[in-house]
PDB file of all heavy atoms in Angstrom:
ATOM      1  N   ILE A   1      93.476  77.034  85.577  1.00  0.00           N
ATOM      2  CA  ILE A   1      93.398  77.281  87.068  1.00  0.00           C
ATOM      3  C   ILE A   1      94.781  77.642  87.370  1.00  0.00           C
ATOM      4  O   ILE A   1      95.684  76.641  87.378  1.00  0.00           O
ATOM      5  CB  ILE A   1      92.912  76.235  87.847  1.00  0.00           C
ATOM      6  CG1 ILE A   1      91.371  75.912  87.278  1.00  0.00           C
ATOM      7  CG2 ILE A   1      92.744  76.500  89.266  1.00  0.00           C
ATOM      8  CD1 ILE A   1      90.743  74.704  87.948  1.00  0.00           C
ATOM      9  N   ILE A   2      95.114  78.836  87.918  1.00  0.00           N
ATOM     10  CA  ILE A   2      96.547  79.275  88.125  1.00  0.00           C
ATOM     11  C   ILE A   2      96.565  79.536  89.669  1.00  0.00           C
ATOM     12  O   ILE A   2      95.914  80.275  90.191  1.00  0.00           O
ATOM     13  CB  ILE A   2      96.931  80.470  87.426  1.00  0.00           C
ATOM     14  CG1 ILE A   2      96.772  80.346  85.912  1.00  0.00           C
ATOM     15  CG2 ILE A   2      98.302  80.925  87.819  1.00  0.00           C
ATOM     16  CD1 ILE A   2      97.030  81.424  85.093  1.00  0.00           C
ATOM     17  N   SER A   3      97.524  78.794  90.310  1.00  0.00           N
ATOM     18  CA  SER A   3      97.811  78.911  91.706  1.00  0.00           C
ATOM     19  C   SER A   3      98.909  80.133  91.865  1.00  0.00           C
ATOM     20  O   SER A   3      99.868  80.161  91.303  1.00  0.00           O
ATOM     21  CB  SER A   3      98.394  77.668  92.457  1.00  0.00           C
ATOM     22  OG  SER A   3      97.609  77.316  93.523  1.00  0.00           O
ATOM     23  N   SER A   4      98.724  80.895  92.980  1.00  0.00           N
ATOM     24  CA  SER A   4      99.447  82.064  93.158  1.00  0.00           C
ATOM     25  C   SER A   4     100.348  82.089  94.490  1.00  0.00           C
ATOM     26  O   SER A   4     100.802  83.124  94.804  1.00  0.00           O
ATOM     27  CB  SER A   4      98.524  83.353  93.192  1.00  0.00           C
ATOM     28  OG  SER A   4      97.699  83.277  94.294  1.00  0.00           O
ATOM     29  N   GLY A   5     100.590  80.920  95.045  1.00  0.00           N
ATOM     30  CA  GLY A   5     101.500  80.960  96.088  1.00  0.00           C
ATOM     31  C   GLY A   5     102.851  81.575  95.921  1.00  0.00           C
ATOM     32  O   GLY A   5     103.493  81.334  94.805  1.00  0.00           O
ATOM     33  N   MET A   6     103.321  82.372  96.819  1.00  0.00           N
ATOM     34  CA  MET A   6     104.602  83.066  96.748  1.00  0.00           C
ATOM     35  C   MET A   6     104.681  84.244  95.815  1.00  0.00           C
ATOM     36  O   MET A   6     105.581  84.957  95.930  1.00  0.00           O
ATOM     37  CB  MET A   6     105.835  82.150  96.486  1.00  0.00           C
ATOM     38  CG  MET A   6     105.865  80.886  97.239  1.00  0.00           C
ATOM     39  SD  MET A   6     107.076  79.676  96.594  1.00  0.00           S
ATOM     40  CE  MET A   6     106.227  79.073  95.190  1.00  0.00           C
ATOM     41  N   ALA A   7     103.644  84.370  94.935  1.00  0.00           N
ATOM     42  CA  ALA A   7     103.679  85.422  93.901  1.00  0.00           C
ATOM     43  C   ALA A   7     103.392  86.789  94.395  1.00  0.00           C
ATOM     44  O   ALA A   7     102.506  86.915  95.160  1.00  0.00           O
ATOM     45  CB  ALA A   7     102.873  84.905  92.851  1.00  0.00           C
ATOM     46  N   THR A   8     104.153  87.775  93.730  1.00  0.00           N
ATOM     47  CA  THR A   8     103.629  89.158  93.827  1.00  0.00           C
ATOM     48  C   THR A   8     102.621  89.472  92.934  1.00  0.00           C
ATOM     49  O   THR A   8     102.328  88.747  91.973  1.00  0.00           O
ATOM     50  CB  THR A   8     104.802  90.120  93.538  1.00  0.00           C
ATOM     51  OG1 THR A   8     105.297  89.927  92.239  1.00  0.00           O
ATOM     52  CG2 THR A   8     106.061  89.706  94.389  1.00  0.00           C
ATOM     53  N   LEU A   9     101.918  90.643  93.081  1.00  0.00           N
ATOM     54  CA  LEU A   9     100.920  91.043  92.242  1.00  0.00           C
ATOM     55  C   LEU A   9     101.525  91.258  90.824  1.00  0.00           C
ATOM     56  O   LEU A   9     100.841  90.839  89.847  1.00  0.00           O
ATOM     57  CB  LEU A   9     100.244  92.391  92.635  1.00  0.00           C
ATOM     58  CG  LEU A   9      99.256  92.258  93.769  1.00  0.00           C
ATOM     59  CD1 LEU A   9      98.773  93.618  94.142  1.00  0.00           C
ATOM     60  CD2 LEU A   9      98.082  91.424  93.473  1.00  0.00           C
ATOM     61  N   GLY A  10     102.659  91.601  90.685  1.00  0.00           N
ATOM     62  CA  GLY A  10     103.296  91.838  89.414  1.00  0.00           C
ATOM     63  C   GLY A  10     103.455  90.393  88.659  1.00  0.00           C
ATOM     64  O   GLY A  10     103.273  90.441  87.503  1.00  0.00           O
ATOM     65  N   GLU A  11     103.868  89.500  89.418  1.00  0.00           N
ATOM     66  CA  GLU A  11     104.051  88.107  88.804  1.00  0.00           C
ATOM     67  C   GLU A  11     102.856  87.471  88.452  1.00  0.00           C
ATOM     68  O   GLU A  11     102.690  86.813  87.457  1.00  0.00           O
ATOM     69  CB  GLU A  11     104.861  87.255  89.810  1.00  0.00           C
ATOM     70  CG  GLU A  11     106.353  87.689  90.125  1.00  0.00           C
ATOM     71  CD  GLU A  11     106.976  86.981  91.160  1.00  0.00           C
ATOM     72  OE1 GLU A  11     106.246  86.540  92.182  1.00  0.00           O
ATOM     73  OE2 GLU A  11     108.217  86.905  91.250  1.00  0.00           O
ATOM     74  N   ILE A  12     101.720  87.715  89.261  1.00  0.00           N
ATOM     75  CA  ILE A  12     100.379  87.248  88.877  1.00  0.00           C
ATOM     76  C   ILE A  12      99.917  87.856  87.596  1.00  0.00           C
ATOM     77  O   ILE A  12      99.408  87.174  86.686  1.00  0.00           O
ATOM     78  CB  ILE A  12      99.460  87.441  90.031  1.00  0.00           C
ATOM     79  CG1 ILE A  12      99.764  86.737  91.277  1.00  0.00           C
ATOM     80  CG2 ILE A  12      98.011  87.020  89.622  1.00  0.00           C
ATOM     81  CD1 ILE A  12      99.004  86.977  92.565  1.00  0.00           C
ATOM     82  N   ASP A  13     100.068  89.236  87.559  1.00  0.00           N
ATOM     83  CA  ASP A  13      99.694  89.938  86.364  1.00  0.00           C
ATOM     84  C   ASP A  13     100.406  89.346  85.035  1.00  0.00           C
ATOM     85  O   ASP A  13      99.848  89.045  84.079  1.00  0.00           O
ATOM     86  CB  ASP A  13      99.938  91.393  86.499  1.00  0.00           C
ATOM     87  CG  ASP A  13      99.390  92.185  85.260  1.00  0.00           C
ATOM     88  OD1 ASP A  13      98.161  92.199  85.130  1.00  0.00           O
ATOM     89  OD2 ASP A  13     100.215  92.775  84.635  1.00  0.00           O
ATOM     90  N   ALA A  14     101.764  89.151  85.178  1.00  0.00           N
ATOM     91  CA  ALA A  14     102.574  88.613  84.039  1.00  0.00           C
ATOM     92  C   ALA A  14     102.071  87.221  83.679  1.00  0.00           C
ATOM     93  O   ALA A  14     101.954  86.955  82.401  1.00  0.00           O
ATOM     94  CB  ALA A  14     103.979  88.574  84.451  1.00  0.00           C
ATOM     95  N   ALA A  15     101.629  86.448  84.661  1.00  0.00           N
ATOM     96  CA  ALA A  15     101.159  85.040  84.347  1.00  0.00           C
ATOM     97  C   ALA A  15      99.834  85.095  83.665  1.00  0.00           C
ATOM     98  O   ALA A  15      99.589  84.438  82.628  1.00  0.00           O
ATOM     99  CB  ALA A  15     100.992  84.213  85.604  1.00  0.00           C
ATOM    100  N   ILE A  16      98.910  85.926  84.038  1.00  0.00           N
ATOM    101  CA  ILE A  16      97.651  86.047  83.398  1.00  0.00           C
ATOM    102  C   ILE A  16      97.655  86.683  82.098  1.00  0.00           C
ATOM    103  O   ILE A  16      97.051  86.162  81.076  1.00  0.00           O
ATOM    104  CB  ILE A  16      96.702  86.882  84.415  1.00  0.00           C
ATOM    105  CG1 ILE A  16      96.339  86.119  85.709  1.00  0.00           C
ATOM    106  CG2 ILE A  16      95.331  87.231  83.643  1.00  0.00           C
ATOM    107  CD1 ILE A  16      95.584  86.936  86.687  1.00  0.00           C
ATOM    108  N   THR A  17      98.561  87.687  81.926  1.00  0.00           N
ATOM    109  CA  THR A  17      98.774  88.147  80.640  1.00  0.00           C
ATOM    110  C   THR A  17      99.293  87.265  79.630  1.00  0.00           C
ATOM    111  O   THR A  17      98.870  87.171  78.512  1.00  0.00           O
ATOM    112  CB  THR A  17      99.689  89.476  80.809  1.00  0.00           C
ATOM    113  OG1 THR A  17      99.069  90.397  81.594  1.00  0.00           O
ATOM    114  CG2 THR A  17      99.982  90.141  79.417  1.00  0.00           C
ATOM    115  N   ALA A  18     100.296  86.299  80.142  1.00  0.00           N
ATOM    116  CA  ALA A  18     100.924  85.306  79.245  1.00  0.00           C
ATOM    117  C   ALA A  18      99.737  84.345  78.805  1.00  0.00           C
ATOM    118  O   ALA A  18      99.787  83.941  77.653  1.00  0.00           O
ATOM    119  CB  ALA A  18     102.111  84.640  79.959  1.00  0.00           C
ATOM    120  N   ALA A  19      98.998  84.021  79.730  1.00  0.00           N
ATOM    121  CA  ALA A  19      97.869  82.963  79.432  1.00  0.00           C
ATOM    122  C   ALA A  19      96.986  83.685  78.435  1.00  0.00           C
ATOM    123  O   ALA A  19      96.632  82.917  77.373  1.00  0.00           O
ATOM    124  CB  ALA A  19      97.208  82.614  80.704  1.00  0.00           C
ATOM    125  N   ARG A  20      96.536  84.847  78.650  1.00  0.00           N
ATOM    126  CA  ARG A  20      95.595  85.532  77.629  1.00  0.00           C
ATOM    127  C   ARG A  20      96.291  85.641  76.205  1.00  0.00           C
ATOM    128  O   ARG A  20      95.706  85.402  75.226  1.00  0.00           O
ATOM    129  CB  ARG A  20      95.080  86.838  78.198  1.00  0.00           C
ATOM    130  CG  ARG A  20      94.133  86.582  79.279  1.00  0.00           C
ATOM    131  CD  ARG A  20      93.801  87.981  79.972  1.00  0.00           C
ATOM    132  NE  ARG A  20      92.603  87.694  80.886  1.00  0.00           N
ATOM    133  CZ  ARG A  20      92.417  88.629  81.962  1.00  0.00           C
ATOM    134  NH1 ARG A  20      93.110  89.717  82.120  1.00  0.00           N
ATOM    135  NH2 ARG A  20      91.312  88.347  82.742  1.00  0.00           N
ATOM    136  N   GLN A  21      97.563  86.021  76.284  1.00  0.00           N
ATOM    137  CA  GLN A  21      98.249  86.305  74.950  1.00  0.00           C
ATOM    138  C   GLN A  21      98.433  84.902  74.286  1.00  0.00           C
ATOM    139  O   GLN A  21      98.450  84.799  73.086  1.00  0.00           O
ATOM    140  CB  GLN A  21      99.552  86.948  75.146  1.00  0.00           C
ATOM    141  CG  GLN A  21      99.392  88.443  75.607  1.00  0.00           C
ATOM    142  CD  GLN A  21     100.731  89.067  75.899  1.00  0.00           C
ATOM    143  OE1 GLN A  21     101.775  88.373  76.220  1.00  0.00           O
ATOM    144  NE2 GLN A  21     100.667  90.399  75.999  1.00  0.00           N
ATOM    145  N   GLY A  22      98.459  83.853  75.053  1.00  0.00           N
ATOM    146  CA  GLY A  22      98.741  82.450  74.507  1.00  0.00           C
ATOM    147  C   GLY A  22      97.472  81.864  74.004  1.00  0.00           C
ATOM    148  O   GLY A  22      97.503  80.759  73.318  1.00  0.00           O
ATOM    149  N   GLY A  23      96.276  82.466  74.258  1.00  0.00           N
ATOM    150  CA  GLY A  23      95.081  81.968  73.783  1.00  0.00           C
ATOM    151  C   GLY A  23      94.028  81.520  74.766  1.00  0.00           C
ATOM    152  O   GLY A  23      92.917  80.954  74.333  1.00  0.00           O
ATOM    153  N   CYS A  24      94.312  81.694  76.024  1.00  0.00           N
ATOM    154  CA  CYS A  24      93.410  81.160  77.061  1.00  0.00           C
ATOM    155  C   CYS A  24      92.567  82.371  77.469  1.00  0.00           C
ATOM    156  O   CYS A  24      93.100  83.408  77.986  1.00  0.00           O
ATOM    157  CB  CYS A  24      94.049  80.590  78.255  1.00  0.00           C
ATOM    158  SG  CYS A  24      93.014  80.173  79.624  1.00  0.00           S
ATOM    159  N   GLN A  25      91.267  82.314  77.440  1.00  0.00           N
ATOM    160  CA  GLN A  25      90.333  83.456  77.891  1.00  0.00           C
ATOM    161  C   GLN A  25      89.596  83.119  79.167  1.00  0.00           C
ATOM    162  O   GLN A  25      88.899  83.968  79.859  1.00  0.00           O
ATOM    163  CB  GLN A  25      89.480  83.803  76.823  1.00  0.00           C
ATOM    164  CG  GLN A  25      90.190  84.407  75.633  1.00  0.00           C
ATOM    165  CD  GLN A  25      91.078  85.479  75.844  1.00  0.00           C
ATOM    166  OE1 GLN A  25      90.779  86.465  76.509  1.00  0.00           O
ATOM    167  NE2 GLN A  25      92.333  85.394  75.324  1.00  0.00           N
ATOM    168  N   GLU A  26      89.692  81.856  79.666  1.00  0.00           N
ATOM    169  CA  GLU A  26      88.842  81.392  80.734  1.00  0.00           C
ATOM    170  C   GLU A  26      89.905  81.039  81.902  1.00  0.00           C
ATOM    171  O   GLU A  26      90.490  79.989  81.851  1.00  0.00           O
ATOM    172  CB  GLU A  26      87.987  80.298  80.499  1.00  0.00           C
ATOM    173  CG  GLU A  26      86.863  80.764  79.609  1.00  0.00           C
ATOM    174  CD  GLU A  26      85.647  79.763  79.506  1.00  0.00           C
ATOM    175  OE1 GLU A  26      85.836  78.586  79.306  1.00  0.00           O
ATOM    176  OE2 GLU A  26      84.500  80.202  79.905  1.00  0.00           O
ATOM    177  N   ILE A  27      90.044  81.893  82.894  1.00  0.00           N
ATOM    178  CA  ILE A  27      91.084  81.658  83.828  1.00  0.00           C
ATOM    179  C   ILE A  27      90.417  81.798  85.292  1.00  0.00           C
ATOM    180  O   ILE A  27      89.587  82.689  85.594  1.00  0.00           O
ATOM    181  CB  ILE A  27      92.191  82.712  83.791  1.00  0.00           C
ATOM    182  CG1 ILE A  27      92.786  82.649  82.406  1.00  0.00           C
ATOM    183  CG2 ILE A  27      93.250  82.616  84.871  1.00  0.00           C
ATOM    184  CD1 ILE A  27      93.799  83.819  82.119  1.00  0.00           C
ATOM    185  N   VAL A  28      90.896  80.873  86.245  1.00  0.00           N
ATOM    186  CA  VAL A  28      90.491  81.026  87.610  1.00  0.00           C
ATOM    187  C   VAL A  28      91.847  81.105  88.328  1.00  0.00           C
ATOM    188  O   VAL A  28      92.802  80.385  88.034  1.00  0.00           O
ATOM    189  CB  VAL A  28      89.864  79.814  88.162  1.00  0.00           C
ATOM    190  CG1 VAL A  28      89.692  79.812  89.664  1.00  0.00           C
ATOM    191  CG2 VAL A  28      88.397  79.622  87.608  1.00  0.00           C
ATOM    192  N   LEU A  29      91.941  82.061  89.217  1.00  0.00           N
ATOM    193  CA  LEU A  29      93.116  82.313  89.987  1.00  0.00           C
ATOM    194  C   LEU A  29      92.844  81.844  91.409  1.00  0.00           C
ATOM    195  O   LEU A  29      91.851  82.161  92.068  1.00  0.00           O
ATOM    196  CB  LEU A  29      93.617  83.811  89.899  1.00  0.00           C
ATOM    197  CG  LEU A  29      94.685  84.249  90.748  1.00  0.00           C
ATOM    198  CD1 LEU A  29      96.085  83.659  90.205  1.00  0.00           C
ATOM    199  CD2 LEU A  29      94.824  85.724  90.751  1.00  0.00           C
ATOM    200  N   LEU A  30      93.892  81.002  91.987  1.00  0.00           N
ATOM    201  CA  LEU A  30      93.884  80.603  93.287  1.00  0.00           C
ATOM    202  C   LEU A  30      94.690  81.196  94.313  1.00  0.00           C
ATOM    203  O   LEU A  30      95.866  81.332  93.986  1.00  0.00           O
ATOM    204  CB  LEU A  30      94.061  79.077  93.351  1.00  0.00           C
ATOM    205  CG  LEU A  30      93.275  78.024  92.457  1.00  0.00           C
ATOM    206  CD1 LEU A  30      93.685  76.626  92.755  1.00  0.00           C
ATOM    207  CD2 LEU A  30      91.831  78.358  92.645  1.00  0.00           C
ATOM    208  N   ALA A  31      94.115  81.829  95.325  1.00  0.00           N
ATOM    209  CA  ALA A  31      94.919  82.316  96.479  1.00  0.00           C
ATOM    210  C   ALA A  31      95.649  81.086  96.990  1.00  0.00           C
ATOM    211  O   ALA A  31      95.071  80.019  97.014  1.00  0.00           O
ATOM    212  CB  ALA A  31      94.150  82.964  97.452  1.00  0.00           C
ATOM    213  N   CYS A  32      96.779  81.173  97.649  1.00  0.00           N
ATOM    214  CA  CYS A  32      97.530  80.046  97.972  1.00  0.00           C
ATOM    215  C   CYS A  32      98.696  80.462  98.885  1.00  0.00           C
ATOM    216  O   CYS A  32      99.322  81.490  98.592  1.00  0.00           O
ATOM    217  CB  CYS A  32      98.132  79.242  96.803  1.00  0.00           C
ATOM    218  SG  CYS A  32      99.087  77.708  97.291  1.00  0.00           S
ATOM    219  N   THR A  33      98.933  79.714  99.988  1.00  0.00           N
ATOM    220  CA  THR A  33     100.066  79.865 100.717  1.00  0.00           C
ATOM    221  C   THR A  33     100.901  78.501 100.544  1.00  0.00           C
ATOM    222  O   THR A  33     100.588  77.423 100.858  1.00  0.00           O
ATOM    223  CB  THR A  33      99.818  79.865 102.293  1.00  0.00           C
ATOM    224  OG1 THR A  33      98.951  80.922 102.485  1.00  0.00           O
ATOM    225  CG2 THR A  33     101.125  80.002 102.972  1.00  0.00           C
ATOM    226  N   ALA A  34     102.029  78.649  99.789  1.00  0.00           N
ATOM    227  CA  ALA A  34     102.847  77.557  99.272  1.00  0.00           C
ATOM    228  C   ALA A  34     103.650  77.011 100.361  1.00  0.00           C
ATOM    229  O   ALA A  34     105.014  77.067 100.241  1.00  0.00           O
ATOM    230  CB  ALA A  34     103.657  77.965  97.987  1.00  0.00           C
ATOM    231  N   ALA A  35     103.137  76.572 101.459  1.00  0.00           N
ATOM    232  CA  ALA A  35     103.949  75.955 102.423  1.00  0.00           C
ATOM    233  C   ALA A  35     103.126  74.583 102.765  1.00  0.00           C
ATOM    234  O   ALA A  35     101.952  74.568 102.678  1.00  0.00           O
ATOM    235  CB  ALA A  35     103.865  76.734 103.707  1.00  0.00           C
ATOM    236  N   TYR A  36     103.922  73.624 103.206  1.00  0.00           N
ATOM    237  CA  TYR A  36     103.414  72.235 103.229  1.00  0.00           C
ATOM    238  C   TYR A  36     103.788  71.548 104.543  1.00  0.00           C
ATOM    239  O   TYR A  36     104.853  70.994 104.494  1.00  0.00           O
ATOM    240  CB  TYR A  36     103.828  71.335 102.005  1.00  0.00           C
ATOM    241  CG  TYR A  36     103.668  72.147 100.737  1.00  0.00           C
ATOM    242  CD1 TYR A  36     104.577  73.025 100.162  1.00  0.00           C
ATOM    243  CD2 TYR A  36     102.478  71.996  99.940  1.00  0.00           C
ATOM    244  CE1 TYR A  36     104.469  73.619  99.076  1.00  0.00           C
ATOM    245  CE2 TYR A  36     102.198  72.708  98.734  1.00  0.00           C
ATOM    246  CZ  TYR A  36     103.219  73.538  98.254  1.00  0.00           C
ATOM    247  OH  TYR A  36     103.105  74.166  97.170  1.00  0.00           O
ATOM    248  N   PRO A  37     102.908  71.565 105.475  1.00  0.00           N
ATOM    249  CA  PRO A  37     101.607  72.292 105.640  1.00  0.00           C
ATOM    250  C   PRO A  37     101.736  73.707 105.750  1.00  0.00           C
ATOM    251  O   PRO A  37     102.775  74.194 106.132  1.00  0.00           O
ATOM    252  CB  PRO A  37     101.002  71.542 106.807  1.00  0.00           C
ATOM    253  CG  PRO A  37     102.237  71.168 107.725  1.00  0.00           C
ATOM    254  CD  PRO A  37     103.224  70.888 106.840  1.00  0.00           C
ATOM    255  N   ALA A  38     100.544  74.302 105.630  1.00  0.00           N
ATOM    256  CA  ALA A  38     100.476  75.818 105.805  1.00  0.00           C
ATOM    257  C   ALA A  38      99.783  76.137 107.066  1.00  0.00           C
ATOM    258  O   ALA A  38      98.806  75.428 107.469  1.00  0.00           O
ATOM    259  CB  ALA A  38      99.759  76.506 104.705  1.00  0.00           C
ATOM    260  N   SER A  39     100.149  77.181 107.767  1.00  0.00           N
ATOM    261  CA  SER A  39      99.479  77.540 108.967  1.00  0.00           C
ATOM    262  C   SER A  39      98.318  78.556 108.657  1.00  0.00           C
ATOM    263  O   SER A  39      98.477  79.327 107.796  1.00  0.00           O
ATOM    264  CB  SER A  39     100.439  78.306 109.907  1.00  0.00           C
ATOM    265  OG  SER A  39      99.778  78.884 111.071  1.00  0.00           O
ATOM    266  N   PRO A  40      97.248  78.396 109.383  1.00  0.00           N
ATOM    267  CA  PRO A  40      96.098  79.271 109.181  1.00  0.00           C
ATOM    268  C   PRO A  40      96.564  80.875 109.446  1.00  0.00           C
ATOM    269  O   PRO A  40      96.043  81.822 108.792  1.00  0.00           O
ATOM    270  CB  PRO A  40      95.060  78.961 110.185  1.00  0.00           C
ATOM    271  CG  PRO A  40      95.300  77.484 110.509  1.00  0.00           C
ATOM    272  CD  PRO A  40      96.734  77.338 110.306  1.00  0.00           C
ATOM    273  N   ASP A  41      97.632  81.016 110.115  1.00  0.00           N
ATOM    274  CA  ASP A  41      98.122  82.357 110.417  1.00  0.00           C
ATOM    275  C   ASP A  41      98.695  83.003 109.162  1.00  0.00           C
ATOM    276  O   ASP A  41      98.735  84.241 109.127  1.00  0.00           O
ATOM    277  CB  ASP A  41      99.257  82.288 111.514  1.00  0.00           C
ATOM    278  CG  ASP A  41      98.700  81.985 112.844  1.00  0.00           C
ATOM    279  OD1 ASP A  41      97.598  82.087 113.235  1.00  0.00           O
ATOM    280  OD2 ASP A  41      99.557  81.401 113.598  1.00  0.00           O
ATOM    281  N   ASP A  42      99.045  82.144 108.219  1.00  0.00           N
ATOM    282  CA  ASP A  42      99.577  82.672 106.946  1.00  0.00           C
ATOM    283  C   ASP A  42      98.591  82.661 105.773  1.00  0.00           C
ATOM    284  O   ASP A  42      99.060  82.806 104.621  1.00  0.00           O
ATOM    285  CB  ASP A  42     100.857  81.850 106.576  1.00  0.00           C
ATOM    286  CG  ASP A  42     102.038  82.037 107.625  1.00  0.00           C
ATOM    287  OD1 ASP A  42     102.139  83.032 108.156  1.00  0.00           O
ATOM    288  OD2 ASP A  42     102.755  80.954 107.792  1.00  0.00           O
ATOM    289  N   ALA A  43      97.286  82.344 106.028  1.00  0.00           N
ATOM    290  CA  ALA A  43      96.487  82.123 104.946  1.00  0.00           C
ATOM    291  C   ALA A  43      96.046  83.479 104.202  1.00  0.00           C
ATOM    292  O   ALA A  43      95.831  83.418 103.067  1.00  0.00           O
ATOM    293  CB  ALA A  43      95.179  81.451 105.418  1.00  0.00           C
ATOM    294  N   ARG A  44      96.100  84.631 104.970  1.00  0.00           N
ATOM    295  CA  ARG A  44      95.878  85.936 104.337  1.00  0.00           C
ATOM    296  C   ARG A  44      94.593  85.920 103.357  1.00  0.00           C
ATOM    297  O   ARG A  44      94.681  86.198 102.287  1.00  0.00           O
ATOM    298  CB  ARG A  44      97.095  86.389 103.617  1.00  0.00           C
ATOM    299  CG  ARG A  44      98.264  86.509 104.491  1.00  0.00           C
ATOM    300  CD  ARG A  44      99.569  86.898 103.736  1.00  0.00           C
ATOM    301  NE  ARG A  44      99.910  85.955 102.837  1.00  0.00           N
ATOM    302  CZ  ARG A  44     101.052  86.077 101.993  1.00  0.00           C
ATOM    303  NH1 ARG A  44     101.776  87.085 102.059  1.00  0.00           N
ATOM    304  NH2 ARG A  44     101.417  84.973 101.187  1.00  0.00           N
ATOM    305  N   LEU A  45      93.470  85.379 104.020  1.00  0.00           N
ATOM    306  CA  LEU A  45      92.307  85.146 103.215  1.00  0.00           C
ATOM    307  C   LEU A  45      91.705  86.492 102.563  1.00  0.00           C
ATOM    308  O   LEU A  45      90.881  86.370 101.664  1.00  0.00           O
ATOM    309  CB  LEU A  45      91.222  84.493 103.981  1.00  0.00           C
ATOM    310  CG  LEU A  45      91.643  82.964 104.226  1.00  0.00           C
ATOM    311  CD1 LEU A  45      90.478  82.291 104.847  1.00  0.00           C
ATOM    312  CD2 LEU A  45      91.916  82.231 103.002  1.00  0.00           C
ATOM    313  N   LEU A  46      91.963  87.638 103.146  1.00  0.00           N
ATOM    314  CA  LEU A  46      91.505  88.851 102.555  1.00  0.00           C
ATOM    315  C   LEU A  46      92.153  89.093 101.120  1.00  0.00           C
ATOM    316  O   LEU A  46      91.710  90.010 100.487  1.00  0.00           O
ATOM    317  CB  LEU A  46      91.708  89.995 103.450  1.00  0.00           C
ATOM    318  CG  LEU A  46      90.908  90.112 104.656  1.00  0.00           C
ATOM    319  CD1 LEU A  46      91.299  91.225 105.523  1.00  0.00           C
ATOM    320  CD2 LEU A  46      89.312  90.185 104.422  1.00  0.00           C
TER     321      LEU A  46
END
């Protein structure tokens, strides 16, 4: 399960690619706003 706070699409793609190349085929990606706490205004749920 990979959290994607702060990440660009390119960084997410690189992480998923690394996971698959390393031997993991079952992946869940989590949308995330890496702020503590986070504001709903920054959730970008789409």
